[in-house]
Amino acid sequence: MQRKNFSKDFKLQVLQELEAGKTLGQVCQEHELKQSLVCRWRREQEQSPQYAFGGRGNPSKEDTKTARLEQK
C-alpha cells in the first residue's frame, strides 16, 4: 500500500473544519483520514505555524518562480 501525500492547502482545510466546530471523528470520517494523522497535523500547526507542512525540503513550483522573479 502506498502512502498518500496531502497538500498543505488540504491539511489547512481539515484543520479549519475542526476550528469551525466539527468533531475530530466527523472530519476524519468525511475525508477518510486516521485520527492520529489529523492530531499530528494539528500539533505541527500549533508548535510552529510558519514552518508547518513545509514539504520534504523541496520548494514548491510557485516558491521557485517567485524566487526567480525576485532575483531579477
C-alpha atoms as a PDB file:
ATOM      1  CA  MET A   1       0.000   0.000   0.000  1.00  0.00           C
ATOM      2  CA  GLN A   2       1.343   3.429  -0.944  1.00  0.00           C
ATOM      3  CA  ARG A   3       1.423   6.447   1.307  1.00  0.00           C
ATOM      4  CA  LYS A   4      -0.851   9.305   0.419  1.00  0.00           C
ATOM      5  CA  ASN A   5       0.614  12.770   0.087  1.00  0.00           C
ATOM      6  CA  PHE A   6      -1.643  15.599   1.138  1.00  0.00           C
ATOM      7  CA  SER A   7      -1.114  19.193   0.091  1.00  0.00           C
ATOM      8  CA  LYS A   8      -0.593  21.988   2.558  1.00  0.00           C
ATOM      9  CA  ASP A   9      -3.905  23.511   1.466  1.00  0.00           C
ATOM     10  CA  PHE A  10      -5.765  20.275   2.176  1.00  0.00           C
ATOM     11  CA  LYS A  11      -4.223  19.977   5.638  1.00  0.00           C
ATOM     12  CA  LEU A  12      -5.124  23.561   6.470  1.00  0.00           C
ATOM     13  CA  GLN A  13      -8.679  22.989   5.210  1.00  0.00           C
ATOM     14  CA  VAL A  14      -9.067  19.970   7.504  1.00  0.00           C
ATOM     15  CA  LEU A  15      -7.767  21.971  10.474  1.00  0.00           C
ATOM     16  CA  GLN A  16     -10.129  24.847   9.649  1.00  0.00           C
ATOM     17  CA  GLU A  17     -13.053  22.436   9.711  1.00  0.00           C
ATOM     18  CA  LEU A  18     -12.022  21.391  13.222  1.00  0.00           C
ATOM     19  CA  GLU A  19     -11.814  25.015  14.320  1.00  0.00           C
ATOM     20  CA  ALA A  20     -15.252  25.668  12.817  1.00  0.00           C
ATOM     21  CA  GLY A  21     -16.792  23.209  15.249  1.00  0.00           C
ATOM     22  CA  LYS A  22     -16.734  19.815  13.594  1.00  0.00           C
ATOM     23  CA  THR A  23     -15.590  16.945  15.751  1.00  0.00           C
ATOM     24  CA  LEU A  24     -12.399  15.046  15.058  1.00  0.00           C
ATOM     25  CA  GLY A  25     -14.442  11.945  14.244  1.00  0.00           C
ATOM     26  CA  GLN A  26     -16.616  13.775  11.732  1.00  0.00           C
ATOM     27  CA  VAL A  27     -13.671  15.312   9.897  1.00  0.00           C
ATOM     28  CA  CYS A  28     -11.767  12.033   9.784  1.00  0.00           C
ATOM     29  CA  GLN A  29     -14.764  10.110   8.511  1.00  0.00           C
ATOM     30  CA  GLU A  30     -15.594  12.680   5.811  1.00  0.00           C
ATOM     31  CA  HIS A  31     -12.041  12.731   4.462  1.00  0.00           C
ATOM     32  CA  GLU A  32     -11.198   9.089   5.221  1.00  0.00           C
ATOM     33  CA  LEU A  33      -8.275  10.006   7.484  1.00  0.00           C
ATOM     34  CA  LYS A  34      -6.915   8.450  10.642  1.00  0.00           C
ATOM     35  CA  GLN A  35      -7.407  10.458  13.814  1.00  0.00           C
ATOM     36  CA  SER A  36      -3.734  10.165  14.726  1.00  0.00           C
ATOM     37  CA  LEU A  37      -2.767  11.806  11.432  1.00  0.00           C
ATOM     38  CA  VAL A  38      -5.076  14.782  11.940  1.00  0.00           C
ATOM     39  CA  CYS A  39      -3.857  15.133  15.539  1.00  0.00           C
ATOM     40  CA  ARG A  40      -0.273  15.237  14.255  1.00  0.00           C
ATOM     41  CA  TRP A  41      -1.198  17.944  11.735  1.00  0.00           C
ATOM     42  CA  ARG A  42      -2.860  19.972  14.477  1.00  0.00           C
ATOM     43  CA  ARG A  43       0.186  19.601  16.753  1.00  0.00           C
ATOM     44  CA  GLU A  44       2.547  20.674  13.945  1.00  0.00           C
ATOM     45  CA  GLN A  45       0.395  23.713  13.226  1.00  0.00           C
ATOM     46  CA  GLU A  46       0.266  24.713  16.904  1.00  0.00           C
ATOM     47  CA  GLN A  47       4.002  24.271  17.505  1.00  0.00           C
ATOM     48  CA  SER A  48       5.286  26.228  14.530  1.00  0.00           C
ATOM     49  CA  PRO A  49       2.637  27.626  12.200  1.00  0.00           C
ATOM     50  CA  GLN A  50       5.145  29.329   9.885  1.00  0.00           C
ATOM     51  CA  TYR A  51       7.048  26.069   9.252  1.00  0.00           C
ATOM     52  CA  ALA A  52       4.180  23.577   9.390  1.00  0.00           C
ATOM     53  CA  PHE A  53       3.667  21.424   6.301  1.00  0.00           C
ATOM     54  CA  GLY A  54       6.786  22.656   4.544  1.00  0.00           C
ATOM     55  CA  GLY A  55       7.254  19.547   2.460  1.00  0.00           C
ATOM     56  CA  ARG A  56      10.350  17.435   2.072  1.00  0.00           C
ATOM     57  CA  GLY A  57      12.802  20.277   1.741  1.00  0.00           C
ATOM     58  CA  ASN A  58      11.878  20.976  -1.864  1.00  0.00           C
ATOM     59  CA  PRO A  59      10.318  24.356  -2.578  1.00  0.00           C
ATOM     60  CA  SER A  60       7.044  24.368  -4.423  1.00  0.00           C
ATOM     61  CA  LYS A  61       6.941  25.417  -8.060  1.00  0.00           C
ATOM     62  CA  GLU A  62       5.290  28.671  -7.053  1.00  0.00           C
ATOM     63  CA  ASP A  63       8.009  29.447  -4.474  1.00  0.00           C
ATOM     64  CA  THR A  64      10.706  28.738  -7.035  1.00  0.00           C
ATOM     65  CA  LYS A  65       9.043  31.010  -9.583  1.00  0.00           C
ATOM     66  CA  THR A  66       8.690  33.806  -7.008  1.00  0.00           C
ATOM     67  CA  ALA A  67      12.343  33.488  -6.009  1.00  0.00           C
ATOM     68  CA  ARG A  68      13.459  33.752  -9.631  1.00  0.00           C
ATOM     69  CA  LEU A  69      11.351  36.843 -10.195  1.00  0.00           C
ATOM     70  CA  GLU A  70      12.726  38.486  -7.032  1.00  0.00           C
ATOM     71  CA  GLN A  71      16.268  37.735  -8.187  1.00  0.00           C
ATOM     72  CA  LYS A  72      15.710  39.582 -11.462  1.00  0.00           C
END
